C-alpha atoms as a PDB file:
ATOM      1  CA  MET A   1       2.663  16.438 -16.830  1.00  0.00           C
ATOM      2  CA  ASN A   2       0.738  14.354 -14.305  1.00  0.00           C
ATOM      3  CA  LYS A   3       1.297  14.962 -10.611  1.00  0.00           C
ATOM      4  CA  ILE A   4       1.601  12.106  -8.096  1.00  0.00           C
ATOM      5  CA  TYR A   5       1.782  12.594  -4.330  1.00  0.00           C
ATOM      6  CA  PHE A   6       3.258   9.978  -1.990  1.00  0.00           C
ATOM      7  CA  GLN A   7       3.775   9.738   1.766  1.00  0.00           C
ATOM      8  CA  GLY A   8       7.354   9.897   2.980  1.00  0.00           C
ATOM      9  CA  THR A   9      10.692  11.249   1.819  1.00  0.00           C
ATOM     10  CA  PHE A  10      12.326  11.045  -1.607  1.00  0.00           C
ATOM     11  CA  GLY A  11      13.734   7.526  -1.965  1.00  0.00           C
ATOM     12  CA  ALA A  12      10.872   5.864  -0.065  1.00  0.00           C
ATOM     13  CA  TYR A  13       9.347   2.703  -1.520  1.00  0.00           C
ATOM     14  CA  SER A  14       6.270   4.797  -2.322  1.00  0.00           C
ATOM     15  CA  HIS A  15       8.531   7.057  -4.410  1.00  0.00           C
ATOM     16  CA  LEU A  16       9.895   3.955  -6.137  1.00  0.00           C
ATOM     17  CA  ALA A  17       6.341   2.732  -6.805  1.00  0.00           C
ATOM     18  CA  ALA A  18       5.350   6.123  -8.257  1.00  0.00           C
ATOM     19  CA  LEU A  19       8.331   5.992 -10.633  1.00  0.00           C
ATOM     20  CA  SER A  20       7.261   2.493 -11.715  1.00  0.00           C
ATOM     21  CA  VAL A  21       3.689   3.653 -12.363  1.00  0.00           C
ATOM     22  CA  ASN A  22       4.603   6.858 -14.225  1.00  0.00           C
ATOM     23  CA  PRO A  23       8.287   7.805 -14.526  1.00  0.00           C
ATOM     24  CA  ASP A  24       7.360  11.011 -16.395  1.00  0.00           C
ATOM     25  CA  ALA A  25       5.089  12.346 -13.648  1.00  0.00           C
ATOM     26  CA  LYS A  26       5.928  15.150 -11.250  1.00  0.00           C
ATOM     27  CA  ILE A  27       6.336  13.145  -8.035  1.00  0.00           C
ATOM     28  CA  LEU A  28       5.950  15.048  -4.759  1.00  0.00           C
ATOM     29  CA  PRO A  29       6.248  13.970  -1.094  1.00  0.00           C
ATOM     30  CA  CYS A  30       3.735  14.474   1.731  1.00  0.00           C
ATOM     31  CA  LYS A  31       4.524  14.168   5.433  1.00  0.00           C
ATOM     32  CA  THR A  32       1.459  12.062   6.267  1.00  0.00           C
ATOM     33  CA  PHE A  33      -1.144   9.847   4.607  1.00  0.00           C
ATOM     34  CA  ASP A  34      -3.797  12.388   5.657  1.00  0.00           C
ATOM     35  CA  GLU A  35      -1.965  15.082   3.699  1.00  0.00           C
ATOM     36  CA  CYS A  36      -1.888  12.830   0.614  1.00  0.00           C
ATOM     37  CA  PHE A  37      -5.642  12.265   0.720  1.00  0.00           C
ATOM     38  CA  ASN A  38      -6.303  15.968   1.288  1.00  0.00           C
ATOM     39  CA  LYS A  39      -4.154  16.821  -1.762  1.00  0.00           C
ATOM     40  CA  ALA A  40      -6.344  14.534  -3.870  1.00  0.00           C
ATOM     41  CA  ILE A  41      -9.490  16.239  -2.577  1.00  0.00           C
ATOM     42  CA  THR A  42      -8.234  19.773  -3.236  1.00  0.00           C
ATOM     43  CA  GLU A  43      -6.429  18.986  -6.532  1.00  0.00           C
ATOM     44  CA  PRO A  44      -8.862  16.844  -8.566  1.00  0.00           C
ATOM     45  CA  ASN A  45      -6.423  16.338 -11.453  1.00  0.00           C
ATOM     46  CA  CYS A  46      -3.646  14.869  -9.313  1.00  0.00           C
ATOM     47  CA  THR A  47      -3.275  11.276  -8.138  1.00  0.00           C
ATOM     48  CA  ILE A  48      -1.871   9.759  -4.963  1.00  0.00           C
ATOM     49  CA  ILE A  49      -0.085   6.438  -4.505  1.00  0.00           C
ATOM     50  CA  ILE A  50      -0.643   4.754  -1.142  1.00  0.00           C
ATOM     51  CA  PRO A  51       0.685   1.444   0.260  1.00  0.00           C
ATOM     52  CA  GLU A  52      -2.324  -0.693   1.195  1.00  0.00           C
ATOM     53  CA  SER A  53      -0.842  -4.017   2.326  1.00  0.00           C
ATOM     54  CA  ASN A  54       2.372  -5.978   2.446  1.00  0.00           C
ATOM     55  CA  ARG A  55       2.676  -9.637   1.532  1.00  0.00           C
ATOM     56  CA  ILE A  56       4.530 -10.468   4.762  1.00  0.00           C
ATOM     57  CA  THR A  57       3.386  -7.970   7.406  1.00  0.00           C
ATOM     58  CA  GLY A  58      -0.223  -7.496   6.238  1.00  0.00           C
ATOM     59  CA  ASN A  59      -2.317  -4.317   6.178  1.00  0.00           C
ATOM     60  CA  ILE A  60      -0.561  -0.941   6.363  1.00  0.00           C
ATOM     61  CA  GLY A  61      -3.464   0.708   8.232  1.00  0.00           C
ATOM     62  CA  ILE A  62      -4.885   3.319   5.840  1.00  0.00           C
ATOM     63  CA  GLU A  63      -8.413   1.859   5.704  1.00  0.00           C
ATOM     64  CA  TYR A  64      -9.854   4.670   7.845  1.00  0.00           C
ATOM     65  CA  LEU A  65      -8.783   7.191   5.189  1.00  0.00           C
ATOM     66  CA  ILE A  66     -10.315   5.097   2.414  1.00  0.00           C
ATOM     67  CA  PHE A  67     -13.616   5.079   4.336  1.00  0.00           C
ATOM     68  CA  LYS A  68     -13.421   8.785   5.138  1.00  0.00           C
ATOM     69  CA  HIS A  69     -12.527  10.203   1.717  1.00  0.00           C
ATOM     70  CA  ARG A  70     -13.883   7.518  -0.641  1.00  0.00           C
ATOM     71  CA  LEU A  71     -11.496   8.389  -3.448  1.00  0.00           C
ATOM     72  CA  ASN A  72     -11.690   6.524  -6.719  1.00  0.00           C
ATOM     73  CA  ILE A  73      -9.127   3.731  -7.155  1.00  0.00           C
ATOM     74  CA  TYR A  74      -7.580   3.830 -10.644  1.00  0.00           C
ATOM     75  CA  MET A  75      -5.109   0.983 -10.394  1.00  0.00           C
ATOM     76  CA  GLU A  76      -3.196  -1.364  -8.124  1.00  0.00           C
ATOM     77  CA  HIS A  77       0.562  -1.819  -8.325  1.00  0.00           C
ATOM     78  CA  PHE A  78       2.609  -4.543  -6.669  1.00  0.00           C
ATOM     79  CA  GLN A  79       6.056  -3.175  -5.835  1.00  0.00           C
ATOM     80  CA  LYS A  80       8.905  -5.563  -5.097  1.00  0.00           C
ATOM     81  CA  ILE A  81      10.479  -4.633  -1.761  1.00  0.00           C
ATOM     82  CA  GLU A  82      14.234  -5.142  -1.624  1.00  0.00           C
ATOM     83  CA  HIS A  83      15.896  -3.863   1.545  1.00  0.00           C
ATOM     84  CA  ASN A  84      19.501  -2.755   1.527  1.00  0.00           C
ATOM     85  CA  LEU A  85      21.941  -1.804   4.272  1.00  0.00           C
ATOM     86  CA  LEU A  86      23.144   1.707   3.440  1.00  0.00           C
ATOM     87  CA  GLY A  87      26.107   3.480   5.002  1.00  0.00           C
ATOM     88  CA  LEU A  88      28.576   6.241   4.352  1.00  0.00           C
ATOM     89  CA  PRO A  89      30.987   5.648   1.452  1.00  0.00           C
ATOM     90  CA  GLY A  90      33.893   3.475   2.562  1.00  0.00           C
ATOM     91  CA  THR A  91      32.022   1.946   5.507  1.00  0.00           C
ATOM     92  CA  LYS A  92      32.494  -1.787   6.154  1.00  0.00           C
ATOM     93  CA  LEU A  93      29.868  -4.053   7.688  1.00  0.00           C
ATOM     94  CA  SER A  94      32.165  -4.601  10.673  1.00  0.00           C
ATOM     95  CA  ASP A  95      32.137  -0.820  11.362  1.00  0.00           C
ATOM     96  CA  ILE A  96      28.352  -0.693  11.843  1.00  0.00           C
ATOM     97  CA  LYS A  97      26.856  -0.959  15.318  1.00  0.00           C
ATOM     98  CA  GLU A  98      23.455   0.761  14.902  1.00  0.00           C
ATOM     99  CA  VAL A  99      20.773   0.481  12.228  1.00  0.00           C
ATOM    100  CA  TYR A 100      17.859   2.855  11.565  1.00  0.00           C
ATOM    101  CA  SER A 101      14.656   2.258   9.604  1.00  0.00           C
ATOM    102  CA  HIS A 102      10.871   2.110   9.656  1.00  0.00           C
ATOM    103  CA  ALA A 103       9.484  -0.534  12.037  1.00  0.00           C
ATOM    104  CA  GLN A 104       8.441  -2.760   9.128  1.00  0.00           C
ATOM    105  CA  GLY A 105      11.854  -2.460   7.507  1.00  0.00           C
ATOM    106  CA  LEU A 106      13.535  -3.565  10.727  1.00  0.00           C
ATOM    107  CA  SER A 107      11.031  -6.398  11.191  1.00  0.00           C
ATOM    108  CA  GLN A 108      11.479  -7.648   7.630  1.00  0.00           C
ATOM    109  CA  CYS A 109      15.288  -7.744   8.093  1.00  0.00           C
ATOM    110  CA  SER A 110      15.333  -9.121  11.642  1.00  0.00           C
ATOM    111  CA  LYS A 111      17.492 -12.166  10.806  1.00  0.00           C
ATOM    112  CA  PHE A 112      20.255 -10.047   9.289  1.00  0.00           C
ATOM    113  CA  ILE A 113      20.100  -7.586  12.202  1.00  0.00           C
ATOM    114  CA  LYS A 114      20.341 -10.387  14.781  1.00  0.00           C
ATOM    115  CA  LYS A 115      23.119 -12.205  12.907  1.00  0.00           C
ATOM    116  CA  ASN A 116      25.240  -9.041  12.842  1.00  0.00           C
ATOM    117  CA  ASN A 117      24.335  -8.000  16.405  1.00  0.00           C
ATOM    118  CA  LEU A 118      23.097  -4.551  15.371  1.00  0.00           C
ATOM    119  CA  SER A 119      21.224  -2.189  17.668  1.00  0.00           C
ATOM    120  CA  GLU A 120      17.831  -1.202  16.176  1.00  0.00           C
ATOM    121  CA  HIS A 121      16.357   2.294  16.083  1.00  0.00           C
ATOM    122  CA  ILE A 122      12.822   2.870  14.765  1.00  0.00           C
ATOM    123  CA  ARG A 123      12.221   5.927  12.607  1.00  0.00           C
ATOM    124  CA  ALA A 124       9.164   7.290  10.765  1.00  0.00           C
ATOM    125  CA  ASP A 125      10.285   5.976   7.378  1.00  0.00           C
ATOM    126  CA  THR A 126      13.093   4.194   5.536  1.00  0.00           C
ATOM    127  CA  ALA A 127      14.118   7.103   3.315  1.00  0.00           C
ATOM    128  CA  GLY A 128      14.180   9.533   6.236  1.00  0.00           C
ATOM    129  CA  SER A 129      16.558   7.138   7.981  1.00  0.00           C
ATOM    130  CA  ALA A 130      18.868   7.162   4.953  1.00  0.00           C
ATOM    131  CA  GLU A 131      18.781  10.962   4.838  1.00  0.00           C
ATOM    132  CA  MET A 132      19.721  11.097   8.535  1.00  0.00           C
ATOM    133  CA  ILE A 133      22.694   8.738   8.033  1.00  0.00           C
ATOM    134  CA  SER A 134      23.922  10.928   5.176  1.00  0.00           C
ATOM    135  CA  ARG A 135      23.629  14.027   7.340  1.00  0.00           C
ATOM    136  CA  LYS A 136      25.137  12.713  10.601  1.00  0.00           C
ATOM    137  CA  LYS A 137      28.178  11.087   8.942  1.00  0.00           C
ATOM    138  CA  ASP A 138      28.778   8.499  11.674  1.00  0.00           C
ATOM    139  CA  LEU A 139      30.472   5.339  10.375  1.00  0.00           C
ATOM    140  CA  LYS A 140      28.867   3.278  13.156  1.00  0.00           C
ATOM    141  CA  GLN A 141      25.361   4.047  11.872  1.00  0.00           C
ATOM    142  CA  ALA A 142      23.513   2.632   8.850  1.00  0.00           C
ATOM    143  CA  ALA A 143      19.997   2.616   7.410  1.00  0.00           C
ATOM    144  CA  ILE A 144      17.784  -0.049   5.900  1.00  0.00           C
ATOM    145  CA  ALA A 145      16.234   1.448   2.785  1.00  0.00           C
ATOM    146  CA  SER A 146      15.844   1.215  -0.995  1.00  0.00           C
ATOM    147  CA  SER A 147      18.675   1.333  -3.516  1.00  0.00           C
ATOM    148  CA  LEU A 148      17.118   4.591  -4.761  1.00  0.00           C
ATOM    149  CA  CYS A 149      18.045   6.148  -1.398  1.00  0.00           C
ATOM    150  CA  ALA A 150      21.706   5.295  -1.988  1.00  0.00           C
ATOM    151  CA  ASP A 151      21.634   7.375  -5.190  1.00  0.00           C
ATOM    152  CA  ILE A 152      19.665  10.269  -3.720  1.00  0.00           C
ATOM    153  CA  TYR A 153      21.623  10.618  -0.457  1.00  0.00           C
ATOM    154  CA  GLU A 154      25.040   9.586  -1.785  1.00  0.00           C
ATOM    155  CA  LEU A 155      25.302   6.500   0.397  1.00  0.00           C
ATOM    156  CA  GLU A 156      26.921   3.153  -0.297  1.00  0.00           C
ATOM    157  CA  ILE A 157      25.076  -0.157  -0.468  1.00  0.00           C
ATOM    158  CA  ILE A 158      27.012  -2.204   2.073  1.00  0.00           C
ATOM    159  CA  LYS A 159      24.796  -5.271   1.738  1.00  0.00           C
ATOM    160  CA  LYS A 160      22.029  -5.836  -0.826  1.00  0.00           C
ATOM    161  CA  ASN A 161      18.720  -7.667  -0.324  1.00  0.00           C
ATOM    162  CA  ILE A 162      18.983  -8.276   3.420  1.00  0.00           C
ATOM    163  CA  GLU A 163      15.262  -9.011   3.873  1.00  0.00           C
ATOM    164  CA  ASN A 164      14.241 -12.237   5.648  1.00  0.00           C
ATOM    165  CA  GLU A 165      12.110 -13.441   2.746  1.00  0.00           C
ATOM    166  CA  LYS A 166      12.752 -12.866  -0.936  1.00  0.00           C
ATOM    167  CA  GLY A 167       9.861 -11.943  -3.218  1.00  0.00           C
ATOM    168  CA  ASN A 168       8.371  -9.511  -0.703  1.00  0.00           C
ATOM    169  CA  LEU A 169       5.685  -7.316  -2.313  1.00  0.00           C
ATOM    170  CA  THR A 170       3.732  -4.277  -1.210  1.00  0.00           C
ATOM    171  CA  ARG A 171       0.403  -3.538  -2.848  1.00  0.00           C
ATOM    172  CA  PHE A 172      -0.044   0.139  -3.703  1.00  0.00           C
ATOM    173  CA  LEU A 173      -3.273   1.858  -4.737  1.00  0.00           C
ATOM    174  CA  VAL A 174      -3.308   4.790  -7.168  1.00  0.00           C
ATOM    175  CA  MET A 175      -6.254   7.022  -6.284  1.00  0.00           C
ATOM    176  CA  GLY A 176      -7.836  10.366  -7.078  1.00  0.00           C
ATOM    177  CA  LYS A 177     -11.038  12.395  -6.839  1.00  0.00           C
ATOM    178  CA  ASN A 178     -12.252  12.094 -10.439  1.00  0.00           C
ATOM    179  CA  ILE A 179     -14.234   8.970 -11.302  1.00  0.00           C
ATOM    180  CA  HIS A 180     -12.901   6.746 -14.064  1.00  0.00           C
ATOM    181  CA  GLN A 181     -13.188   3.044 -14.828  1.00  0.00           C
ATOM    182  CA  PRO A 182     -11.986   0.913 -17.751  1.00  0.00           C
ATOM    183  CA  GLU A 183     -14.306  -0.572 -20.363  1.00  0.00           C
ATOM    184  CA  PHE A 184     -15.401  -4.153 -19.752  1.00  0.00           C
ATOM    185  CA  LYS A 185     -13.207  -6.266 -22.031  1.00  0.00           C
ATOM    186  CA  SER A 186     -11.401  -9.592 -21.710  1.00  0.00           C
ATOM    187  CA  GLU A 187      -8.842  -8.374 -19.141  1.00  0.00           C
ATOM    188  CA  LYS A 188      -8.794  -9.456 -15.501  1.00  0.00           C
ATOM    189  CA  TYR A 189     -10.358  -6.803 -13.285  1.00  0.00           C
ATOM    190  CA  ILE A 190     -10.791  -5.993  -9.608  1.00  0.00           C
ATOM    191  CA  THR A 191     -13.879  -4.216  -8.287  1.00  0.00           C
ATOM    192  CA  SER A 192     -13.314  -2.540  -4.926  1.00  0.00           C
ATOM    193  CA  PHE A 193     -16.156  -1.318  -2.722  1.00  0.00           C
ATOM    194  CA  LEU A 194     -17.191  -0.638   0.862  1.00  0.00           C
ATOM    195  CA  PHE A 195     -20.452  -1.348   2.601  1.00  0.00           C
ATOM    196  CA  LYS A 196     -22.217  -1.081   5.941  1.00  0.00           C
ATOM    197  CA  LEU A 197     -24.822  -3.693   6.835  1.00  0.00           C
ATOM    198  CA  LYS A 198     -28.234  -3.191   8.360  1.00  0.00           C
ATOM    199  CA  SER A 199     -28.289  -4.116  12.035  1.00  0.00           C
ATOM    200  CA  LYS A 200     -29.779  -7.603  12.137  1.00  0.00           C
ATOM    201  CA  PRO A 201     -28.648 -11.111  13.165  1.00  0.00           C
ATOM    202  CA  ALA A 202     -26.393 -13.004  10.714  1.00  0.00           C
ATOM    203  CA  ALA A 203     -26.350  -9.989   8.377  1.00  0.00           C
ATOM    204  CA  LEU A 204     -22.838 -10.620   7.074  1.00  0.00           C
ATOM    205  CA  TYR A 205     -23.491 -14.309   6.414  1.00  0.00           C
ATOM    206  CA  GLN A 206     -26.689 -13.542   4.514  1.00  0.00           C
ATOM    207  CA  SER A 207     -25.161 -10.662   2.544  1.00  0.00           C
ATOM    208  CA  LEU A 208     -22.345 -12.801   1.100  1.00  0.00           C
ATOM    209  CA  GLY A 209     -24.617 -15.544  -0.244  1.00  0.00           C
ATOM    210  CA  GLY A 210     -25.012 -13.851  -3.617  1.00  0.00           C
ATOM    211  CA  PHE A 211     -21.278 -14.061  -4.321  1.00  0.00           C
ATOM    212  CA  ALA A 212     -21.260 -17.831  -3.716  1.00  0.00           C
ATOM    213  CA  ILE A 213     -24.381 -18.431  -5.819  1.00  0.00           C
ATOM    214  CA  ASN A 214     -23.003 -16.427  -8.753  1.00  0.00           C
ATOM    215  CA  GLY A 215     -19.466 -17.826  -8.516  1.00  0.00           C
ATOM    216  CA  VAL A 216     -17.791 -14.495  -7.742  1.00  0.00           C
ATOM    217  CA  ASN A 217     -14.487 -14.687  -5.880  1.00  0.00           C
ATOM    218  CA  LEU A 218     -13.836 -12.265  -3.010  1.00  0.00           C
ATOM    219  CA  THR A 219     -10.120 -11.508  -2.647  1.00  0.00           C
ATOM    220  CA  LYS A 220     -10.398  -9.134   0.319  1.00  0.00           C
ATOM    221  CA  LEU A 221     -12.949  -8.665   3.096  1.00  0.00           C
ATOM    222  CA  GLN A 222     -11.942  -6.475   5.998  1.00  0.00           C
ATOM    223  CA  SER A 223     -14.033  -4.987   8.778  1.00  0.00           C
ATOM    224  CA  TYR A 224     -13.456  -1.548  10.283  1.00  0.00           C
ATOM    225  CA  PRO A 225     -15.409   0.015  13.180  1.00  0.00           C
ATOM    226  CA  GLU A 226     -17.466   3.084  12.460  1.00  0.00           C
ATOM    227  CA  LYS A 227     -16.194   6.234  14.167  1.00  0.00           C
ATOM    228  CA  ASN A 228     -16.650   6.287  17.974  1.00  0.00           C
ATOM    229  CA  THR A 229     -18.246   2.847  18.159  1.00  0.00           C
ATOM    230  CA  PHE A 230     -17.456  -0.856  18.226  1.00  0.00           C
ATOM    231  CA  ASP A 231     -21.074  -1.860  17.569  1.00  0.00           C
ATOM    232  CA  SER A 232     -21.238  -0.751  13.934  1.00  0.00           C
ATOM    233  CA  TYR A 233     -18.775  -1.818  11.233  1.00  0.00           C
ATOM    234  CA  PHE A 234     -17.933  -0.929   7.654  1.00  0.00           C
ATOM    235  CA  PHE A 235     -16.473  -3.601   5.376  1.00  0.00           C
ATOM    236  CA  LEU A 236     -13.860  -3.070   2.703  1.00  0.00           C
ATOM    237  CA  CYS A 237     -14.042  -5.617  -0.076  1.00  0.00           C
ATOM    238  CA  ASP A 238     -12.313  -6.551  -3.352  1.00  0.00           C
ATOM    239  CA  LEU A 239     -13.702  -9.049  -5.835  1.00  0.00           C
ATOM    240  CA  ASP A 240     -12.407 -10.640  -9.023  1.00  0.00           C
ATOM    241  CA  GLY A 241     -14.343  -9.153 -11.937  1.00  0.00           C
ATOM    242  CA  HIS A 242     -15.674  -6.004 -13.597  1.00  0.00           C
ATOM    243  CA  ILE A 243     -18.750  -4.283 -12.190  1.00  0.00           C
ATOM    244  CA  GLU A 244     -20.447  -4.569 -15.619  1.00  0.00           C
ATOM    245  CA  ASP A 245     -20.118  -8.372 -15.585  1.00  0.00           C
ATOM    246  CA  PRO A 246     -23.686  -9.716 -15.107  1.00  0.00           C
ATOM    247  CA  LYS A 247     -22.666 -12.164 -12.357  1.00  0.00           C
ATOM    248  CA  VAL A 248     -20.923  -9.350 -10.452  1.00  0.00           C
ATOM    249  CA  GLN A 249     -23.988  -7.125 -10.832  1.00  0.00           C
ATOM    250  CA  LYS A 250     -26.269  -9.877  -9.520  1.00  0.00           C
ATOM    251  CA  SER A 251     -23.967 -10.421  -6.517  1.00  0.00           C
ATOM    252  CA  LEU A 252     -23.830  -6.733  -5.659  1.00  0.00           C
ATOM    253  CA  LYS A 253     -27.601  -6.371  -6.065  1.00  0.00           C
ATOM    254  CA  GLU A 254     -28.064  -9.185  -3.532  1.00  0.00           C
ATOM    255  CA  LEU A 255     -25.562  -7.521  -1.191  1.00  0.00           C
ATOM    256  CA  GLY A 256     -27.390  -4.204  -1.514  1.00  0.00           C
ATOM    257  CA  LEU A 257     -30.550  -5.699  -0.004  1.00  0.00           C
ATOM    258  CA  HIS A 258     -28.683  -6.087   3.285  1.00  0.00           C
ATOM    259  CA  CYS A 259     -26.871  -2.710   3.302  1.00  0.00           C
ATOM    260  CA  GLU A 260     -27.625   0.721   4.662  1.00  0.00           C
ATOM    261  CA  ASP A 261     -24.506   2.127   2.961  1.00  0.00           C
ATOM    262  CA  PHE A 262     -22.757   0.930  -0.202  1.00  0.00           C
ATOM    263  CA  HIS A 263     -20.068   2.690  -2.252  1.00  0.00           C
ATOM    264  CA  VAL A 264     -17.974   1.517  -5.218  1.00  0.00           C
ATOM    265  CA  LEU A 265     -14.374   2.668  -4.754  1.00  0.00           C
ATOM    266  CA  GLY A 266     -13.108   1.625  -8.152  1.00  0.00           C
ATOM    267  CA  VAL A 267     -12.862  -0.818 -11.025  1.00  0.00           C
ATOM    268  CA  PHE A 268      -9.357  -1.447 -12.352  1.00  0.00           C
ATOM    269  CA  GLU A 269      -7.218  -4.017 -14.112  1.00  0.00           C
ATOM    270  CA  ALA A 270      -5.621  -6.633 -11.866  1.00  0.00           C
ATOM    271  CA  ASP A 271      -1.849  -6.274 -11.618  1.00  0.00           C
ATOM    272  CA  LYS A 272      -0.109  -8.963 -13.690  1.00  0.00           C
ATOM    273  CA  LEU A 273       1.926  -9.919 -10.607  1.00  0.00           C
ATOM    274  CA  ARG A 274      -1.247 -11.315  -8.997  1.00  0.00           C
ATOM    275  CA  GLU A 275      -0.866 -14.468 -11.089  1.00  0.00           C
ATOM    276  CA  LYS A 276       2.784 -14.884 -10.107  1.00  0.00           C
ATOM    277  CA  LYS A 277       2.021 -13.948  -6.503  1.00  0.00           C
ATOM    278  CA  ASN A 278      -0.549 -16.670  -6.109  1.00  0.00           C
END
């Protein structure tokens, strides 16, 4: 049985994503993202599933760990995020005065919270908030979390889908230490890589010319400062295509002329939801 580590508590959206990716896997929680990455380093046959960005609130903030550990990316998974107001069995919406959740959960449900005049309390994660509500047994308190949390912590869904915007998605990355990439066929692929440019004027502008000339589409380009400096930056990049595609190879060869560090993080099939998402 495969083993998948996620950050958070059972019932977290990362747990939900892991179940979607491999429902037969042994799915285990970690307290922090750092712990997840360290598990992948010390247990080469396991995988980790990490939220990378959210459609509404943007990047999650795990880029520094991607740069540090340089794990191989096996796949991306877009998980639909549906927030629910969870309370003790028998609780009515009118009973609730306080709501607990992760900062992003509260932000993504701000209209509902304001409309119902609820007092917000930020916690480390959504599932941990649900667990706390189950334990404290205060009818005035509720959590914003997944429907999975209601099952796990024996809570009641008082109001379903309370998020501000429907169709909210979080992009998860499935990663591990061992290197693996799919054969180049007719599927749609993403190639993910990081690079650090040589220190010279207009380096970034010059380095990206090869992608334009060869007609390669960049779907992500993010800068991140090198440790202890704001003068030197790494870039995290995703492109549409397989690394064995000749036009991708030509683009990356051109990029390499301008780099002092270059590392391929992974080649994987594009999630089918990308087409619907765009």
